[in-house]
Amino acid sequence: MIFDEISDQSINDDLNTLISSCSRHISNEGFELAQHYLEHDELELAFEALFLELIEAQYIPTSFDTNKWKNIGKYLHLHEESVLDGEFWSKFINLVQGKMLSNIR
């Protein structure tokens, strides 16, 4: 996936799908917060809120596409600046790298 293939609508759709698929693994508060941001087209905050919950749960779905989500995060400039957690990008990378390593094993 390259940036030309990424749109706000595709991000919204992808986040909505991921939020739904992870709902059993995150707190109700985290779920509602991510949904709230998504409903208000605050894609960066929805992404960050969802992944902070997934980081806390140490959960990534088996069908998770690491490169796709890293590209979406970069498209949203979360590698440069985050709002909810100043260490977000490094935590996110640690989570997805753990997913990549578990796929190798």
PDB file of N, CA and C in Angstrom:
ATOM      1  N   MET A   1       0.850  -1.184   0.000  1.00  0.00           N
ATOM      2  CA  MET A   1       0.000   0.000   0.000  1.00  0.00           C
ATOM      3  C   MET A   1       0.885   1.233   0.000  1.00  0.00           C
ATOM      4  N   ILE A   2       0.658   2.113  -0.934  1.00  0.00           N
ATOM      5  CA  ILE A   2       1.374   3.380  -0.975  1.00  0.00           C
ATOM      6  C   ILE A   2       0.384   4.500  -0.694  1.00  0.00           C
ATOM      7  N   PHE A   3       0.895   5.690  -0.402  1.00  0.00           N
ATOM      8  CA  PHE A   3       0.031   6.791  -0.005  1.00  0.00           C
ATOM      9  C   PHE A   3      -1.024   7.120  -1.047  1.00  0.00           C
ATOM     10  N   ASP A   4      -0.731   6.897  -2.327  1.00  0.00           N
ATOM     11  CA  ASP A   4      -1.711   7.200  -3.366  1.00  0.00           C
ATOM     12  C   ASP A   4      -2.972   6.354  -3.222  1.00  0.00           C
ATOM     13  N   GLU A   5      -2.835   5.182  -2.576  1.00  0.00           N
ATOM     14  CA  GLU A   5      -3.968   4.282  -2.409  1.00  0.00           C
ATOM     15  C   GLU A   5      -4.725   4.530  -1.112  1.00  0.00           C
ATOM     16  N   ILE A   6      -4.245   5.457  -0.293  1.00  0.00           N
ATOM     17  CA  ILE A   6      -4.850   5.731   0.997  1.00  0.00           C
ATOM     18  C   ILE A   6      -5.745   6.960   0.883  1.00  0.00           C
ATOM     19  N   SER A   7      -6.955   6.840   1.400  1.00  0.00           N
ATOM     20  CA  SER A   7      -7.867   7.986   1.461  1.00  0.00           C
ATOM     21  C   SER A   7      -8.477   8.017   2.857  1.00  0.00           C
ATOM     22  N   ASP A   8      -9.019   9.159   3.223  1.00  0.00           N
ATOM     23  CA  ASP A   8      -9.666   9.267   4.525  1.00  0.00           C
ATOM     24  C   ASP A   8     -10.801   8.251   4.649  1.00  0.00           C
ATOM     25  N   GLN A   9     -11.550   8.038   3.572  1.00  0.00           N
ATOM     26  CA  GLN A   9     -12.655   7.083   3.617  1.00  0.00           C
ATOM     27  C   GLN A   9     -12.144   5.658   3.811  1.00  0.00           C
ATOM     28  N   SER A  10     -11.056   5.296   3.125  1.00  0.00           N
ATOM     29  CA  SER A  10     -10.520   3.941   3.291  1.00  0.00           C
ATOM     30  C   SER A  10      -9.970   3.753   4.703  1.00  0.00           C
ATOM     31  N   ILE A  11      -9.366   4.791   5.263  1.00  0.00           N
ATOM     32  CA  ILE A  11      -8.864   4.712   6.638  1.00  0.00           C
ATOM     33  C   ILE A  11     -10.032   4.553   7.591  1.00  0.00           C
ATOM     34  N   ASN A  12     -11.067   5.341   7.393  1.00  0.00           N
ATOM     35  CA  ASN A  12     -12.259   5.248   8.233  1.00  0.00           C
ATOM     36  C   ASN A  12     -12.818   3.827   8.193  1.00  0.00           C
ATOM     37  N   ASP A  13     -12.956   3.280   7.007  1.00  0.00           N
ATOM     38  CA  ASP A  13     -13.485   1.921   6.846  1.00  0.00           C
ATOM     39  C   ASP A  13     -12.580   0.892   7.525  1.00  0.00           C
ATOM     40  N   ASP A  14     -11.275   1.016   7.304  1.00  0.00           N
ATOM     41  CA  ASP A  14     -10.329   0.067   7.892  1.00  0.00           C
ATOM     42  C   ASP A  14     -10.315   0.159   9.418  1.00  0.00           C
ATOM     43  N   LEU A  15     -10.342   1.384   9.942  1.00  0.00           N
ATOM     44  CA  LEU A  15     -10.375   1.547  11.396  1.00  0.00           C
ATOM     45  C   LEU A  15     -11.659   0.975  11.980  1.00  0.00           C
ATOM     46  N   ASN A  16     -12.774   1.230  11.326  1.00  0.00           N
ATOM     47  CA  ASN A  16     -14.048   0.712  11.805  1.00  0.00           C
ATOM     48  C   ASN A  16     -14.023  -0.812  11.864  1.00  0.00           C
ATOM     49  N   THR A  17     -13.474  -1.428  10.834  1.00  0.00           N
ATOM     50  CA  THR A  17     -13.365  -2.886  10.794  1.00  0.00           C
ATOM     51  C   THR A  17     -12.453  -3.398  11.905  1.00  0.00           C
ATOM     52  N   LEU A  18     -11.307  -2.743  12.090  1.00  0.00           N
ATOM     53  CA  LEU A  18     -10.370  -3.173  13.124  1.00  0.00           C
ATOM     54  C   LEU A  18     -10.943  -2.968  14.521  1.00  0.00           C
ATOM     55  N   ILE A  19     -11.600  -1.852  14.749  1.00  0.00           N
ATOM     56  CA  ILE A  19     -12.233  -1.599  16.049  1.00  0.00           C
ATOM     57  C   ILE A  19     -13.238  -2.707  16.360  1.00  0.00           C
ATOM     58  N   SER A  20     -14.069  -3.035  15.393  1.00  0.00           N
ATOM     59  CA  SER A  20     -15.072  -4.083  15.596  1.00  0.00           C
ATOM     60  C   SER A  20     -14.433  -5.436  15.865  1.00  0.00           C
ATOM     61  N   SER A  21     -13.393  -5.761  15.108  1.00  0.00           N
ATOM     62  CA  SER A  21     -12.767  -7.076  15.261  1.00  0.00           C
ATOM     63  C   SER A  21     -11.981  -7.204  16.565  1.00  0.00           C
ATOM     64  N   CYS A  22     -11.615  -6.081  17.161  1.00  0.00           N
ATOM     65  CA  CYS A  22     -10.817  -6.118  18.388  1.00  0.00           C
ATOM     66  C   CYS A  22     -11.643  -5.798  19.637  1.00  0.00           C
ATOM     67  N   SER A  23     -12.923  -5.593  19.484  1.00  0.00           N
ATOM     68  CA  SER A  23     -13.751  -5.105  20.594  1.00  0.00           C
ATOM     69  C   SER A  23     -13.694  -5.997  21.828  1.00  0.00           C
ATOM     70  N   ARG A  24     -13.513  -7.298  21.656  1.00  0.00           N
ATOM     71  CA  ARG A  24     -13.451  -8.209  22.812  1.00  0.00           C
ATOM     72  C   ARG A  24     -12.129  -8.100  23.553  1.00  0.00           C
ATOM     73  N   HIS A  25     -11.144  -7.463  22.950  1.00  0.00           N
ATOM     74  CA  HIS A  25      -9.808  -7.430  23.523  1.00  0.00           C
ATOM     75  C   HIS A  25      -9.428  -6.072  24.101  1.00  0.00           C
ATOM     76  N   ILE A  26     -10.315  -5.103  23.980  1.00  0.00           N
ATOM     77  CA  ILE A  26     -10.033  -3.768  24.500  1.00  0.00           C
ATOM     78  C   ILE A  26     -11.127  -3.374  25.484  1.00  0.00           C
ATOM     79  N   SER A  27     -10.847  -2.369  26.294  1.00  0.00           N
ATOM     80  CA  SER A  27     -11.828  -1.926  27.290  1.00  0.00           C
ATOM     81  C   SER A  27     -13.033  -1.275  26.606  1.00  0.00           C
ATOM     82  N   ASN A  28     -14.147  -1.290  27.296  1.00  0.00           N
ATOM     83  CA  ASN A  28     -15.339  -0.614  26.765  1.00  0.00           C
ATOM     84  C   ASN A  28     -15.065   0.866  26.552  1.00  0.00           C
ATOM     85  N   GLU A  29     -14.343   1.470  27.489  1.00  0.00           N
ATOM     86  CA  GLU A  29     -14.006   2.890  27.381  1.00  0.00           C
ATOM     87  C   GLU A  29     -13.143   3.145  26.148  1.00  0.00           C
ATOM     88  N   GLY A  30     -12.148   2.299  25.936  1.00  0.00           N
ATOM     89  CA  GLY A  30     -11.279   2.433  24.761  1.00  0.00           C
ATOM     90  C   GLY A  30     -12.045   2.244  23.471  1.00  0.00           C
ATOM     91  N   PHE A  31     -12.947   1.273  23.456  1.00  0.00           N
ATOM     92  CA  PHE A  31     -13.786   1.023  22.287  1.00  0.00           C
ATOM     93  C   PHE A  31     -14.638   2.247  21.976  1.00  0.00           C
ATOM     94  N   GLU A  32     -15.306   2.768  23.001  1.00  0.00           N
ATOM     95  CA  GLU A  32     -16.180   3.939  22.812  1.00  0.00           C
ATOM     96  C   GLU A  32     -15.382   5.168  22.397  1.00  0.00           C
ATOM     97  N   LEU A  33     -14.197   5.337  22.946  1.00  0.00           N
ATOM     98  CA  LEU A  33     -13.360   6.486  22.596  1.00  0.00           C
ATOM     99  C   LEU A  33     -12.929   6.412  21.136  1.00  0.00           C
ATOM    100  N   ALA A  34     -12.465   5.257  20.704  1.00  0.00           N
ATOM    101  CA  ALA A  34     -12.049   5.094  19.309  1.00  0.00           C
ATOM    102  C   ALA A  34     -13.232   5.318  18.376  1.00  0.00           C
ATOM    103  N   GLN A  35     -14.391   4.768  18.720  1.00  0.00           N
ATOM    104  CA  GLN A  35     -15.605   4.961  17.909  1.00  0.00           C
ATOM    105  C   GLN A  35     -15.993   6.439  17.855  1.00  0.00           C
ATOM    106  N   HIS A  36     -15.904   7.119  18.997  1.00  0.00           N
ATOM    107  CA  HIS A  36     -16.246   8.542  19.066  1.00  0.00           C
ATOM    108  C   HIS A  36     -15.368   9.354  18.114  1.00  0.00           C
ATOM    109  N   TYR A  37     -14.068   9.127  18.190  1.00  0.00           N
ATOM    110  CA  TYR A  37     -13.160   9.856  17.304  1.00  0.00           C
ATOM    111  C   TYR A  37     -13.450   9.538  15.838  1.00  0.00           C
ATOM    112  N   LEU A  38     -13.736   8.305  15.570  1.00  0.00           N
ATOM    113  CA  LEU A  38     -14.024   7.892  14.192  1.00  0.00           C
ATOM    114  C   LEU A  38     -15.300   8.552  13.677  1.00  0.00           C
ATOM    115  N   GLU A  39     -16.325   8.597  14.523  1.00  0.00           N
ATOM    116  CA  GLU A  39     -17.594   9.220  14.130  1.00  0.00           C
ATOM    117  C   GLU A  39     -17.436  10.708  13.826  1.00  0.00           C
ATOM    118  N   HIS A  40     -16.430  11.327  14.436  1.00  0.00           N
ATOM    119  CA  HIS A  40     -16.183  12.762  14.232  1.00  0.00           C
ATOM    120  C   HIS A  40     -15.040  13.007  13.247  1.00  0.00           C
ATOM    121  N   ASP A  41     -14.708  11.985  12.477  1.00  0.00           N
ATOM    122  CA  ASP A  41     -13.663  12.074  11.451  1.00  0.00           C
ATOM    123  C   ASP A  41     -12.316  12.529  11.994  1.00  0.00           C
ATOM    124  N   GLU A  42     -12.040  12.174  13.225  1.00  0.00           N
ATOM    125  CA  GLU A  42     -10.733  12.452  13.820  1.00  0.00           C
ATOM    126  C   GLU A  42      -9.914  11.169  13.710  1.00  0.00           C
ATOM    127  N   LEU A  43      -9.452  10.911  12.494  1.00  0.00           N
ATOM    128  CA  LEU A  43      -8.813   9.640  12.183  1.00  0.00           C
ATOM    129  C   LEU A  43      -7.537   9.411  12.978  1.00  0.00           C
ATOM    130  N   GLU A  44      -6.748  10.456  13.164  1.00  0.00           N
ATOM    131  CA  GLU A  44      -5.504  10.320  13.909  1.00  0.00           C
ATOM    132  C   GLU A  44      -5.788   9.889  15.347  1.00  0.00           C
ATOM    133  N   LEU A  45      -6.776  10.531  15.959  1.00  0.00           N
ATOM    134  CA  LEU A  45      -7.109  10.201  17.341  1.00  0.00           C
ATOM    135  C   LEU A  45      -7.739   8.820  17.448  1.00  0.00           C
ATOM    136  N   ALA A  46      -8.557   8.444  16.485  1.00  0.00           N
ATOM    137  CA  ALA A  46      -9.151   7.102  16.488  1.00  0.00           C
ATOM    138  C   ALA A  46      -8.066   6.047  16.373  1.00  0.00           C
ATOM    139  N   PHE A  47      -7.124   6.246  15.462  1.00  0.00           N
ATOM    140  CA  PHE A  47      -6.004   5.325  15.272  1.00  0.00           C
ATOM    141  C   PHE A  47      -5.208   5.203  16.562  1.00  0.00           C
ATOM    142  N   GLU A  48      -4.844   6.346  17.107  1.00  0.00           N
ATOM    143  CA  GLU A  48      -4.012   6.351  18.307  1.00  0.00           C
ATOM    144  C   GLU A  48      -4.745   5.718  19.494  1.00  0.00           C
ATOM    145  N   ALA A  49      -6.002   6.070  19.702  1.00  0.00           N
ATOM    146  CA  ALA A  49      -6.771   5.512  20.819  1.00  0.00           C
ATOM    147  C   ALA A  49      -6.908   3.999  20.688  1.00  0.00           C
ATOM    148  N   LEU A  50      -7.214   3.520  19.495  1.00  0.00           N
ATOM    149  CA  LEU A  50      -7.363   2.085  19.282  1.00  0.00           C
ATOM    150  C   LEU A  50      -6.040   1.362  19.542  1.00  0.00           C
ATOM    151  N   PHE A  51      -4.972   1.847  18.962  1.00  0.00           N
ATOM    152  CA  PHE A  51      -3.707   1.140  19.115  1.00  0.00           C
ATOM    153  C   PHE A  51      -3.143   1.250  20.522  1.00  0.00           C
ATOM    154  N   LEU A  52      -3.426   2.314  21.249  1.00  0.00           N
ATOM    155  CA  LEU A  52      -3.016   2.366  22.652  1.00  0.00           C
ATOM    156  C   LEU A  52      -3.730   1.273  23.447  1.00  0.00           C
ATOM    157  N   GLU A  53      -4.988   1.028  23.123  1.00  0.00           N
ATOM    158  CA  GLU A  53      -5.723  -0.068  23.759  1.00  0.00           C
ATOM    159  C   GLU A  53      -5.122  -1.421  23.380  1.00  0.00           C
ATOM    160  N   LEU A  54      -4.793  -1.585  22.115  1.00  0.00           N
ATOM    161  CA  LEU A  54      -4.201  -2.851  21.664  1.00  0.00           C
ATOM    162  C   LEU A  54      -2.818  -3.068  22.267  1.00  0.00           C
ATOM    163  N   ILE A  55      -2.071  -1.987  22.433  1.00  0.00           N
ATOM    164  CA  ILE A  55      -0.762  -2.067  23.075  1.00  0.00           C
ATOM    165  C   ILE A  55      -0.936  -2.532  24.521  1.00  0.00           C
ATOM    166  N   GLU A  56      -1.885  -1.950  25.218  1.00  0.00           N
ATOM    167  CA  GLU A  56      -2.138  -2.336  26.609  1.00  0.00           C
ATOM    168  C   GLU A  56      -2.550  -3.807  26.696  1.00  0.00           C
ATOM    169  N   ALA A  57      -3.372  -4.243  25.754  1.00  0.00           N
ATOM    170  CA  ALA A  57      -3.833  -5.632  25.744  1.00  0.00           C
ATOM    171  C   ALA A  57      -2.802  -6.583  25.155  1.00  0.00           C
ATOM    172  N   GLN A  58      -1.771  -6.035  24.495  1.00  0.00           N
ATOM    173  CA  GLN A  58      -0.780  -6.835  23.770  1.00  0.00           C
ATOM    174  C   GLN A  58      -1.478  -7.788  22.802  1.00  0.00           C
ATOM    175  N   TYR A  59      -2.399  -7.204  22.037  1.00  0.00           N
ATOM    176  CA  TYR A  59      -3.196  -7.999  21.106  1.00  0.00           C
ATOM    177  C   TYR A  59      -3.141  -7.404  19.703  1.00  0.00           C
ATOM    178  N   ILE A  60      -2.929  -8.274  18.735  1.00  0.00           N
ATOM    179  CA  ILE A  60      -3.027  -7.928  17.320  1.00  0.00           C
ATOM    180  C   ILE A  60      -3.752  -9.094  16.651  1.00  0.00           C
ATOM    181  N   PRO A  61      -4.771  -8.820  15.836  1.00  0.00           N
ATOM    182  CA  PRO A  61      -5.467  -9.917  15.151  1.00  0.00           C
ATOM    183  C   PRO A  61      -4.531 -10.700  14.237  1.00  0.00           C
ATOM    184  N   THR A  62      -4.825 -11.959  14.030  1.00  0.00           N
ATOM    185  CA  THR A  62      -3.967 -12.795  13.186  1.00  0.00           C
ATOM    186  C   THR A  62      -3.932 -12.296  11.747  1.00  0.00           C
ATOM    187  N   SER A  63      -4.998 -11.668  11.298  1.00  0.00           N
ATOM    188  CA  SER A  63      -5.057 -11.178   9.913  1.00  0.00           C
ATOM    189  C   SER A  63      -4.456  -9.775   9.754  1.00  0.00           C
ATOM    190  N   PHE A  64      -3.828  -9.256  10.784  1.00  0.00           N
ATOM    191  CA  PHE A  64      -3.294  -7.898  10.803  1.00  0.00           C
ATOM    192  C   PHE A  64      -2.200  -7.724   9.747  1.00  0.00           C
ATOM    193  N   ASP A  65      -2.334  -6.695   8.918  1.00  0.00           N
ATOM    194  CA  ASP A  65      -1.356  -6.369   7.880  1.00  0.00           C
ATOM    195  C   ASP A  65      -0.445  -5.255   8.404  1.00  0.00           C
ATOM    196  N   THR A  66       0.706  -5.653   8.903  1.00  0.00           N
ATOM    197  CA  THR A  66       1.628  -4.717   9.546  1.00  0.00           C
ATOM    198  C   THR A  66       2.009  -3.552   8.648  1.00  0.00           C
ATOM    199  N   ASN A  67       2.395  -3.839   7.420  1.00  0.00           N
ATOM    200  CA  ASN A  67       2.822  -2.761   6.518  1.00  0.00           C
ATOM    201  C   ASN A  67       1.689  -1.795   6.214  1.00  0.00           C
ATOM    202  N   LYS A  68       0.511  -2.312   6.020  1.00  0.00           N
ATOM    203  CA  LYS A  68      -0.647  -1.449   5.747  1.00  0.00           C
ATOM    204  C   LYS A  68      -0.868  -0.465   6.897  1.00  0.00           C
ATOM    205  N   TRP A  69      -0.860  -0.977   8.126  1.00  0.00           N
ATOM    206  CA  TRP A  69      -1.131  -0.105   9.272  1.00  0.00           C
ATOM    207  C   TRP A  69       0.018   0.854   9.555  1.00  0.00           C
ATOM    208  N   LYS A  70       1.247   0.441   9.310  1.00  0.00           N
ATOM    209  CA  LYS A  70       2.368   1.369   9.443  1.00  0.00           C
ATOM    210  C   LYS A  70       2.225   2.497   8.420  1.00  0.00           C
ATOM    211  N   ASN A  71       1.846   2.169   7.197  1.00  0.00           N
ATOM    212  CA  ASN A  71       1.654   3.193   6.166  1.00  0.00           C
ATOM    213  C   ASN A  71       0.508   4.135   6.511  1.00  0.00           C
ATOM    214  N   ILE A  72      -0.564   3.596   7.057  1.00  0.00           N
ATOM    215  CA  ILE A  72      -1.682   4.455   7.474  1.00  0.00           C
ATOM    216  C   ILE A  72      -1.220   5.387   8.584  1.00  0.00           C
ATOM    217  N   GLY A  73      -0.496   4.860   9.555  1.00  0.00           N
ATOM    218  CA  GLY A  73       0.020   5.694  10.642  1.00  0.00           C
ATOM    219  C   GLY A  73       0.924   6.805  10.135  1.00  0.00           C
ATOM    220  N   LYS A  74       1.763   6.479   9.162  1.00  0.00           N
ATOM    221  CA  LYS A  74       2.629   7.508   8.569  1.00  0.00           C
ATOM    222  C   LYS A  74       1.816   8.514   7.769  1.00  0.00           C
ATOM    223  N   TYR A  75       0.823   8.039   7.037  1.00  0.00           N
ATOM    224  CA  TYR A  75      -0.052   8.931   6.274  1.00  0.00           C
ATOM    225  C   TYR A  75      -0.717   9.942   7.218  1.00  0.00           C
ATOM    226  N   LEU A  76      -1.060   9.480   8.422  1.00  0.00           N
ATOM    227  CA  LEU A  76      -1.692  10.347   9.426  1.00  0.00           C
ATOM    228  C   LEU A  76      -0.664  11.150  10.224  1.00  0.00           C
ATOM    229  N   HIS A  77       0.620  11.007   9.882  1.00  0.00           N
ATOM    230  CA  HIS A  77       1.739  11.728  10.507  1.00  0.00           C
ATOM    231  C   HIS A  77       1.929  11.390  11.983  1.00  0.00           C
ATOM    232  N   LEU A  78       1.473  10.205  12.381  1.00  0.00           N
ATOM    233  CA  LEU A  78       1.626   9.811  13.775  1.00  0.00           C
ATOM    234  C   LEU A  78       3.067   9.456  14.119  1.00  0.00           C
ATOM    235  N   HIS A  79       3.895   9.229  13.122  1.00  0.00           N
ATOM    236  CA  HIS A  79       5.321   8.994  13.368  1.00  0.00           C
ATOM    237  C   HIS A  79       6.037  10.302  13.692  1.00  0.00           C
ATOM    238  N   GLU A  80       5.389  11.422  13.394  1.00  0.00           N
ATOM    239  CA  GLU A  80       5.967  12.737  13.664  1.00  0.00           C
ATOM    240  C   GLU A  80       5.372  13.381  14.913  1.00  0.00           C
ATOM    241  N   GLU A  81       4.080  13.169  15.121  1.00  0.00           N
ATOM    242  CA  GLU A  81       3.397  13.827  16.233  1.00  0.00           C
ATOM    243  C   GLU A  81       2.166  13.026  16.628  1.00  0.00           C
ATOM    244  N   SER A  82       2.006  12.844  17.934  1.00  0.00           N
ATOM    245  CA  SER A  82       0.803  12.194  18.439  1.00  0.00           C
ATOM    246  C   SER A  82       0.200  13.090  19.514  1.00  0.00           C
ATOM    247  N   VAL A  83      -1.058  12.832  19.833  1.00  0.00           N
ATOM    248  CA  VAL A  83      -1.769  13.690  20.781  1.00  0.00           C
ATOM    249  C   VAL A  83      -1.947  13.008  22.135  1.00  0.00           C
ATOM    250  N   LEU A  84      -2.318  11.741  22.130  1.00  0.00           N
ATOM    251  CA  LEU A  84      -2.692  11.056  23.362  1.00  0.00           C
ATOM    252  C   LEU A  84      -1.500  10.528  24.158  1.00  0.00           C
ATOM    253  N   ASP A  85      -0.412  10.221  23.477  1.00  0.00           N
ATOM    254  CA  ASP A  85       0.762   9.653  24.139  1.00  0.00           C
ATOM    255  C   ASP A  85       2.003  10.053  23.339  1.00  0.00           C
ATOM    256  N   GLY A  86       2.892  10.789  23.965  1.00  0.00           N
ATOM    257  CA  GLY A  86       4.094  11.263  23.290  1.00  0.00           C
ATOM    258  C   GLY A  86       5.011  10.151  22.797  1.00  0.00           C
ATOM    259  N   GLU A  87       4.867   8.960  23.358  1.00  0.00           N
ATOM    260  CA  GLU A  87       5.677   7.809  22.963  1.00  0.00           C
ATOM    261  C   GLU A  87       4.897   6.852  22.064  1.00  0.00           C
ATOM    262  N   PHE A  88       3.781   7.329  21.514  1.00  0.00           N
ATOM    263  CA  PHE A  88       2.889   6.450  20.768  1.00  0.00           C
ATOM    264  C   PHE A  88       3.595   5.683  19.657  1.00  0.00           C
ATOM    265  N   TRP A  89       4.331   6.374  18.798  1.00  0.00           N
ATOM    266  CA  TRP A  89       4.884   5.705  17.614  1.00  0.00           C
ATOM    267  C   TRP A  89       5.856   4.588  17.998  1.00  0.00           C
ATOM    268  N   SER A  90       6.699   4.821  18.980  1.00  0.00           N
ATOM    269  CA  SER A  90       7.631   3.760  19.378  1.00  0.00           C
ATOM    270  C   SER A  90       6.879   2.584  19.993  1.00  0.00           C
ATOM    271  N   LYS A  91       5.832   2.847  20.746  1.00  0.00           N
ATOM    272  CA  LYS A  91       5.016   1.763  21.308  1.00  0.00           C
ATOM    273  C   LYS A  91       4.304   0.992  20.195  1.00  0.00           C
ATOM    274  N   PHE A  92       3.776   1.724  19.240  1.00  0.00           N
ATOM    275  CA  PHE A  92       3.093   1.094  18.101  1.00  0.00           C
ATOM    276  C   PHE A  92       4.064   0.196  17.331  1.00  0.00           C
ATOM    277  N   ILE A  93       5.252   0.717  17.037  1.00  0.00           N
ATOM    278  CA  ILE A  93       6.251  -0.057  16.294  1.00  0.00           C
ATOM    279  C   ILE A  93       6.646  -1.304  17.084  1.00  0.00           C
ATOM    280  N   ASN A  94       6.824  -1.182  18.383  1.00  0.00           N
ATOM    281  CA  ASN A  94       7.153  -2.352  19.201  1.00  0.00           C
ATOM    282  C   ASN A  94       6.054  -3.402  19.126  1.00  0.00           C
ATOM    283  N   LEU A  95       4.807  -2.971  19.151  1.00  0.00           N
ATOM    284  CA  LEU A  95       3.683  -3.910  19.060  1.00  0.00           C
ATOM    285  C   LEU A  95       3.673  -4.623  17.722  1.00  0.00           C
ATOM    286  N   VAL A  96       3.780  -3.874  16.632  1.00  0.00           N
ATOM    287  CA  VAL A  96       3.688  -4.513  15.314  1.00  0.00           C
ATOM    288  C   VAL A  96       4.944  -5.312  14.990  1.00  0.00           C
ATOM    289  N   GLN A  97       6.097  -4.910  15.506  1.00  0.00           N
ATOM    290  CA  GLN A  97       7.302  -5.716  15.300  1.00  0.00           C
ATOM    291  C   GLN A  97       7.175  -7.036  16.045  1.00  0.00           C
ATOM    292  N   GLY A  98       6.554  -7.022  17.208  1.00  0.00           N
ATOM    293  CA  GLY A  98       6.287  -8.259  17.934  1.00  0.00           C
ATOM    294  C   GLY A  98       5.386  -9.171  17.134  1.00  0.00           C
ATOM    295  N   LYS A  99       4.421  -8.603  16.437  1.00  0.00           N
ATOM    296  CA  LYS A  99       3.539  -9.376  15.565  1.00  0.00           C
ATOM    297  C   LYS A  99       4.348  -9.995  14.439  1.00  0.00           C
ATOM    298  N   MET A 100       5.234  -9.215  13.850  1.00  0.00           N
ATOM    299  CA  MET A 100       6.058  -9.716  12.751  1.00  0.00           C
ATOM    300  C   MET A 100       6.952 -10.857  13.238  1.00  0.00           C
ATOM    301  N   LEU A 101       7.529 -10.711  14.419  1.00  0.00           N
ATOM    302  CA  LEU A 101       8.397 -11.752  14.966  1.00  0.00           C
ATOM    303  C   LEU A 101       7.623 -13.016  15.279  1.00  0.00           C
ATOM    304  N   SER A 102       6.390 -12.859  15.784  1.00  0.00           N
ATOM    305  CA  SER A 102       5.610 -14.046  16.109  1.00  0.00           C
ATOM    306  C   SER A 102       5.198 -14.796  14.845  1.00  0.00           C
ATOM    307  N   ASN A 103       5.091 -14.104  13.727  1.00  0.00           N
ATOM    308  CA  ASN A 103       4.765 -14.758  12.457  1.00  0.00           C
ATOM    309  C   ASN A 103       5.958 -15.532  11.913  1.00  0.00           C
ATOM    310  N   ILE A 104       7.160 -15.102  12.270  1.00  0.00           N
ATOM    311  CA  ILE A 104       8.366 -15.753  11.786  1.00  0.00           C
ATOM    312  C   ILE A 104       8.599 -17.068  12.538  1.00  0.00           C
ATOM    313  N   ARG A 105       8.289 -17.055  13.816  1.00  0.00           N
ATOM    314  CA  ARG A 105       8.541 -18.225  14.673  1.00  0.00           C
ATOM    315  C   ARG A 105       7.690 -19.404  14.305  1.00  0.00           C
TER     316      ARG A 105
END
